Amino acid sequence: MTRRPIPRALSSFSPLTTRACSEPASESPCCAETKSGSWRRTPRAPLNSARSVTSSPGKERIRNAATLVAPTAPCPMSTPVHCWTSSSGTAGRHPPVKHHRQPKGRRRTPAREPAPQVLIVVCGQRTEKEYFEDFKQCGTPNISIKVKVKDKSPLKQVEYTADLRDAGGFTQVWCVLDVDHFANLEQALIEAKRRRVAIAISNPCFEYWLLLHFEDCARPFASPSSVKEYLQRRHVPGYDKDSPCLEAFRPRRREAIDRGRKREAASDGHLCNPSTTVWRLVELILDEQDKRRR
């Protein structure tokens, strides 16, 4: 029987995926000879087969080489990754190059400190209350100034201020006191230090602080009424305890602060007549207002 020639298409198969057709038909995965002498094509071997047979009859050789393996699942990364597997079973991949890009947008502005909540407790029914409430009308809405009146002894006033601070969550609490004729002033100062309440005290009265808006007066005064008469006679003719002329003091607050600082440095505490520490409270309010306007 004459053997037919092998078709040209079958003779061009790769040795990695086929076997030589000279082997018996039972071992060839690609082609087999039928009884009638014709050739038929069989299913191709899997791609990951690492075994190949040379054309030499009766001799086999295992080729130890890396075999490409298709990934079984899509790569979780957005960029392509080359997956490979060696014959020893070690797998690996080449990580992609990451390019970090800065997000576009506006520059972050530094956070501003929260606005202070200032509580001021005064002993005067009209003058002190209206003087400090005038800051709210001329200032900025970012500052909270709350003025309370407690016309009692200095000790009761300090205790009242501390209780309001604990209940209201204020950041600054001040007591505006006059020396006048109160006997328990020293006890009130000790209690204020213990309960962390700031004190703005004037000797002999609050009107001396108003006098510093116009001049640096160092002469002692016999009584609070003498300070009021001097202020009315020399600088503010229309001044009255029940109706203070606030527009006369408003543009001179910085000058009064400078004079009050000098008088405190030259005096011996609140026992000195005249003296005042109200300039500390006024300077705090003005500095906060200037800071918020920027």
Protein backbone atom coordinates (compact mmCIF):
# COMPACT_ATOMS: atom_id res chain seq x y z
CA MET A 1 0.00 0.00 0.00
CA THR A 2 1.36 3.39 -0.97
CA ARG A 3 1.54 6.03 1.83
CA ARG A 4 0.04 9.34 0.95
CA PRO A 5 2.12 12.49 1.59
CA ILE A 6 1.42 14.60 4.67
CA PRO A 7 -0.57 17.72 3.91
CA ARG A 8 1.46 20.93 3.92
CA ALA A 9 -0.78 22.60 6.56
CA LEU A 10 -0.10 19.82 9.06
CA SER A 11 3.65 19.82 8.53
CA SER A 12 3.93 23.49 9.69
CA PHE A 13 2.74 22.91 13.27
CA SER A 14 4.95 24.21 16.10
CA PRO A 15 6.94 21.56 17.99
CA LEU A 16 5.74 23.09 21.31
CA THR A 17 2.13 22.25 20.57
CA THR A 18 2.33 19.13 18.33
CA ARG A 19 4.08 15.81 18.11
CA ALA A 20 5.82 14.35 15.05
CA CYS A 21 3.44 12.41 12.83
CA SER A 22 5.93 9.54 12.57
CA GLU A 23 4.84 8.38 16.05
CA PRO A 24 1.98 5.95 16.48
CA ALA A 25 -1.48 7.43 16.10
CA SER A 26 -2.46 6.62 19.67
CA GLU A 27 0.19 9.00 21.07
CA SER A 28 -0.12 11.86 18.59
CA PRO A 29 -2.42 14.62 19.89
CA CYS A 30 -2.63 16.44 16.54
CA CYS A 31 -2.98 13.89 13.67
CA ALA A 32 -3.55 10.15 13.27
CA GLU A 33 -3.53 7.65 10.38
CA THR A 34 -6.76 5.79 9.68
CA LYS A 35 -7.05 2.21 8.46
CA SER A 36 -7.75 3.37 4.95
CA GLY A 37 -4.44 5.26 4.89
CA SER A 38 -5.93 8.75 5.11
CA TRP A 39 -5.04 11.31 7.78
CA ARG A 40 -7.39 13.04 10.13
CA ARG A 41 -6.79 15.99 12.47
CA THR A 42 -7.15 15.56 16.27
CA PRO A 43 -7.63 18.27 18.98
CA ARG A 44 -4.59 20.42 19.67
CA ALA A 45 -2.65 19.99 22.91
CA PRO A 46 -3.04 22.68 25.63
CA LEU A 47 -0.80 25.75 25.38
CA ASN A 48 0.78 25.29 28.79
CA SER A 49 2.30 21.94 27.95
CA ALA A 50 6.01 22.06 28.61
CA ARG A 51 6.84 18.74 26.91
CA SER A 52 8.07 18.47 23.31
CA VAL A 53 9.44 15.48 21.36
CA THR A 54 12.19 15.77 18.75
CA SER A 55 11.91 14.30 15.29
CA SER A 56 14.42 11.58 16.14
CA PRO A 57 12.51 8.28 16.49
CA GLY A 58 12.54 6.67 19.91
CA LYS A 59 14.19 9.54 21.73
CA GLU A 60 12.37 12.09 23.90
CA ARG A 61 13.65 15.16 25.54
CA ILE A 62 11.95 17.48 28.09
CA ARG A 63 12.54 21.12 27.24
CA ASN A 64 13.05 23.09 30.46
CA ALA A 65 11.90 26.53 29.41
CA ALA A 66 9.49 29.17 30.67
CA THR A 67 6.01 28.74 29.30
CA LEU A 68 3.63 31.61 28.79
CA VAL A 69 0.48 31.28 30.84
CA ALA A 70 -2.58 33.42 30.19
CA PRO A 71 -3.90 35.10 33.36
CA THR A 72 -7.00 33.37 34.70
CA ALA A 73 -8.57 36.58 36.08
CA PRO A 74 -8.40 40.23 35.00
CA CYS A 75 -5.69 42.25 36.68
CA PRO A 76 -7.12 44.40 39.50
CA MET A 77 -4.98 47.38 38.56
CA SER A 78 -6.08 49.90 36.00
CA THR A 79 -2.81 49.76 33.99
CA PRO A 80 -1.64 46.63 32.13
CA VAL A 81 0.58 44.24 34.10
CA HIS A 82 2.76 41.56 32.48
CA CYS A 83 2.17 38.27 34.29
CA TRP A 84 4.66 35.46 33.85
CA THR A 85 5.35 32.02 35.30
CA SER A 86 8.59 30.03 35.11
CA SER A 87 8.93 26.31 34.89
CA SER A 88 9.76 26.15 38.60
CA GLY A 89 6.33 27.56 39.46
CA THR A 90 7.50 31.00 40.62
CA ALA A 91 5.07 33.73 39.58
CA GLY A 92 5.61 37.46 39.42
CA ARG A 93 4.61 40.67 37.73
CA HIS A 94 6.08 44.00 36.85
CA PRO A 95 4.31 46.81 38.80
CA PRO A 96 3.23 49.80 36.76
CA VAL A 97 4.85 53.20 37.13
CA LYS A 98 2.62 55.49 39.18
CA HIS A 99 2.41 59.17 38.34
CA HIS A 100 1.26 61.30 41.26
CA ARG A 101 -0.66 64.37 40.23
CA GLN A 102 -1.47 67.23 42.53
CA PRO A 103 -5.21 67.86 42.82
CA LYS A 104 -6.37 71.06 41.24
CA GLY A 105 -8.29 73.58 43.28
CA ARG A 106 -8.02 76.63 45.47
CA ARG A 107 -5.33 77.03 48.06
CA ARG A 108 -6.41 76.22 51.56
CA THR A 109 -6.54 79.30 53.73
CA PRO A 110 -5.33 78.98 57.33
CA ALA A 111 -8.10 78.43 59.81
CA ARG A 112 -9.00 81.50 61.84
CA GLU A 113 -9.12 81.27 65.59
CA PRO A 114 -12.61 81.20 67.06
CA ALA A 115 -14.00 84.55 68.12
CA PRO A 116 -13.72 85.21 71.88
CA GLN A 117 -16.82 85.34 74.03
CA VAL A 118 -16.30 88.19 76.50
CA LEU A 119 -18.43 88.54 79.64
CA ILE A 120 -18.26 91.85 81.54
CA VAL A 121 -20.02 92.27 84.88
CA VAL A 122 -20.25 95.88 86.09
CA CYS A 123 -21.57 97.50 89.24
CA GLY A 124 -22.92 100.70 87.67
CA GLN A 125 -26.46 100.81 86.35
CA ARG A 126 -25.81 103.27 83.48
CA THR A 127 -22.26 104.59 82.91
CA GLU A 128 -20.24 101.35 82.90
CA LYS A 129 -22.95 99.35 81.16
CA GLU A 130 -23.44 101.84 78.31
CA TYR A 131 -19.71 102.40 77.91
CA PHE A 132 -18.95 98.72 77.20
CA GLU A 133 -22.10 98.09 75.19
CA ASP A 134 -20.93 100.85 72.86
CA PHE A 135 -18.15 98.49 71.69
CA LYS A 136 -20.75 96.15 70.24
CA GLN A 137 -22.18 98.91 68.05
CA CYS A 138 -18.78 100.06 66.77
CA GLY A 139 -17.09 96.65 66.59
CA THR A 140 -17.49 93.57 64.42
CA PRO A 141 -20.13 90.83 64.72
CA ASN A 142 -17.38 88.20 65.15
CA ILE A 143 -16.85 89.31 68.77
CA SER A 144 -19.44 88.53 71.40
CA ILE A 145 -19.56 91.04 74.25
CA LYS A 146 -22.12 90.46 76.96
CA VAL A 147 -22.56 93.05 79.71
CA LYS A 148 -24.29 92.20 82.99
CA VAL A 149 -25.07 94.45 85.96
CA LYS A 150 -24.61 93.26 89.55
CA ASP A 151 -24.97 96.14 91.98
CA LYS A 152 -23.77 94.29 95.06
CA SER A 153 -20.58 94.05 97.10
CA PRO A 154 -17.35 93.15 95.22
CA LEU A 155 -17.36 89.62 96.68
CA LYS A 156 -20.91 88.95 95.50
CA GLN A 157 -20.05 90.39 92.11
CA VAL A 158 -17.04 88.07 91.70
CA GLU A 159 -19.07 85.01 92.67
CA TYR A 160 -21.83 86.00 90.26
CA THR A 161 -19.32 86.41 87.42
CA ALA A 162 -17.72 83.02 88.06
CA ASP A 163 -21.11 81.30 88.05
CA LEU A 164 -22.01 82.86 84.70
CA ARG A 165 -18.68 81.79 83.23
CA ASP A 166 -19.22 78.17 84.21
CA ALA A 167 -22.76 78.13 82.80
CA GLY A 168 -22.23 80.14 79.59
CA GLY A 169 -18.91 78.90 78.22
CA PHE A 170 -17.24 82.33 77.95
CA THR A 171 -13.57 82.59 77.02
CA GLN A 172 -12.97 85.91 78.84
CA VAL A 173 -14.71 86.99 82.07
CA TRP A 174 -14.14 90.37 83.70
CA CYS A 175 -15.37 92.16 86.80
CA VAL A 176 -15.34 95.97 86.70
CA LEU A 177 -15.05 97.20 90.28
CA ASP A 178 -14.74 100.54 92.06
CA VAL A 179 -12.89 101.01 95.33
CA ASP A 180 -15.44 103.53 96.63
CA HIS A 181 -16.42 102.58 100.17
CA PHE A 182 -16.57 98.76 100.04
CA ALA A 183 -14.94 97.02 102.98
CA ASN A 184 -14.50 93.46 101.60
CA LEU A 185 -12.50 94.40 98.49
CA GLU A 186 -9.41 92.39 99.47
CA GLN A 187 -11.50 89.27 100.04
CA ALA A 188 -13.09 89.75 96.60
CA LEU A 189 -9.65 89.94 94.94
CA ILE A 190 -8.58 86.67 96.59
CA GLU A 191 -11.77 84.96 95.44
CA ALA A 192 -11.31 86.29 91.89
CA LYS A 193 -7.82 84.84 91.71
CA ARG A 194 -9.03 81.49 93.00
CA ARG A 195 -11.89 81.27 90.47
CA ARG A 196 -9.90 82.75 87.57
CA VAL A 197 -11.88 85.97 87.13
CA ALA A 198 -10.08 89.01 85.69
CA ILE A 199 -10.48 92.26 87.61
CA ALA A 200 -10.59 95.82 86.22
CA ILE A 201 -10.57 98.09 89.25
CA SER A 202 -10.56 101.88 89.54
CA ASN A 203 -9.68 104.08 92.47
CA PRO A 204 -11.71 105.97 93.47
CA CYS A 205 -14.28 105.23 90.72
CA PHE A 206 -14.87 104.39 87.04
CA GLU A 207 -15.02 108.09 86.10
CA TYR A 208 -11.26 108.32 86.59
CA TRP A 209 -10.87 106.01 83.60
CA LEU A 210 -13.08 108.37 81.60
CA LEU A 211 -10.88 111.30 82.69
CA LEU A 212 -7.81 109.57 81.19
CA HIS A 213 -9.41 109.94 77.75
CA PHE A 214 -8.50 113.63 77.92
CA GLU A 215 -5.50 114.08 80.22
CA ASP A 216 -2.93 112.28 82.33
CA CYS A 217 -4.22 113.27 85.73
CA ALA A 218 -2.16 112.23 88.77
CA ARG A 219 -3.78 114.37 91.48
CA PRO A 220 -5.68 112.43 94.22
CA PHE A 221 -9.42 112.79 94.59
CA ALA A 222 -11.25 112.91 97.89
CA SER A 223 -14.40 111.14 96.68
CA PRO A 224 -16.04 109.72 93.54
CA SER A 225 -18.23 112.82 93.21
CA SER A 226 -15.14 115.04 92.97
CA VAL A 227 -13.93 113.07 89.92
CA LYS A 228 -17.29 113.54 88.19
CA GLU A 229 -17.29 117.26 88.88
CA TYR A 230 -13.75 117.65 87.56
CA LEU A 231 -14.60 115.73 84.37
CA GLN A 232 -17.71 117.80 83.77
CA ARG A 233 -16.02 121.10 84.46
CA ARG A 234 -12.86 120.56 82.40
CA HIS A 235 -13.73 118.30 79.47
CA VAL A 236 -17.36 117.11 79.07
CA PRO A 237 -19.81 119.84 80.13
CA GLY A 238 -22.85 117.72 79.31
CA TYR A 239 -21.67 114.64 81.21
CA ASP A 240 -24.17 113.07 83.55
CA LYS A 241 -24.10 109.80 85.45
CA ASP A 242 -27.42 108.68 84.01
CA SER A 243 -26.71 109.94 80.47
CA PRO A 244 -22.98 109.75 79.59
CA CYS A 245 -21.83 111.38 76.35
CA LEU A 246 -20.20 108.32 74.76
CA GLU A 247 -19.35 110.08 71.48
CA ALA A 248 -16.88 112.26 73.40
CA PHE A 249 -14.86 109.23 74.61
CA ARG A 250 -15.02 106.99 71.54
CA PRO A 251 -12.18 108.50 69.44
CA ARG A 252 -9.81 108.80 72.45
CA ARG A 253 -9.73 105.19 73.67
CA ARG A 254 -6.19 104.45 72.49
CA GLU A 255 -4.89 107.58 74.19
CA ALA A 256 -6.59 106.54 77.42
CA ILE A 257 -4.93 103.10 77.19
CA ASP A 258 -1.47 104.65 76.96
CA ARG A 259 -2.15 106.96 79.91
CA GLY A 260 -3.61 104.12 81.99
CA ARG A 261 -0.57 101.94 81.34
CA LYS A 262 1.77 104.69 82.51
CA ARG A 263 -0.30 105.39 85.63
CA GLU A 264 -0.31 101.70 86.62
CA ALA A 265 3.46 101.47 86.20
CA ALA A 266 3.92 104.52 88.43
CA SER A 267 1.36 103.52 91.10
CA ASP A 268 1.37 100.88 93.85
CA GLY A 269 -1.60 98.74 92.87
CA HIS A 270 -5.25 99.51 93.36
CA LEU A 271 -4.62 101.19 96.73
CA CYS A 272 -3.04 104.14 94.98
CA ASN A 273 -5.34 107.15 94.46
CA PRO A 274 -5.85 107.66 91.56
CA SER A 275 -5.31 104.42 89.61
CA THR A 276 -7.17 102.11 87.23
CA THR A 277 -6.69 98.85 85.35
CA VAL A 278 -9.68 99.23 83.03
CA TRP A 279 -7.23 99.93 80.19
CA ARG A 280 -6.38 96.20 80.12
CA LEU A 281 -9.96 95.24 79.30
CA VAL A 282 -10.40 98.01 76.73
CA GLU A 283 -7.13 97.13 75.02
CA LEU A 284 -8.20 93.48 74.78
CA ILE A 285 -11.47 94.42 73.06
CA LEU A 286 -9.86 96.87 70.62
CA ASP A 287 -7.09 94.44 69.66
CA GLU A 288 -9.60 91.71 68.93
CA GLN A 289 -11.67 94.07 66.81
CA ASP A 290 -8.61 95.12 64.79
CA LYS A 291 -7.62 91.50 64.31
CA ARG A 292 -11.04 90.53 62.94
CA ARG A 293 -11.08 93.44 60.49
CA ARG A 294 -7.94 92.22 58.72
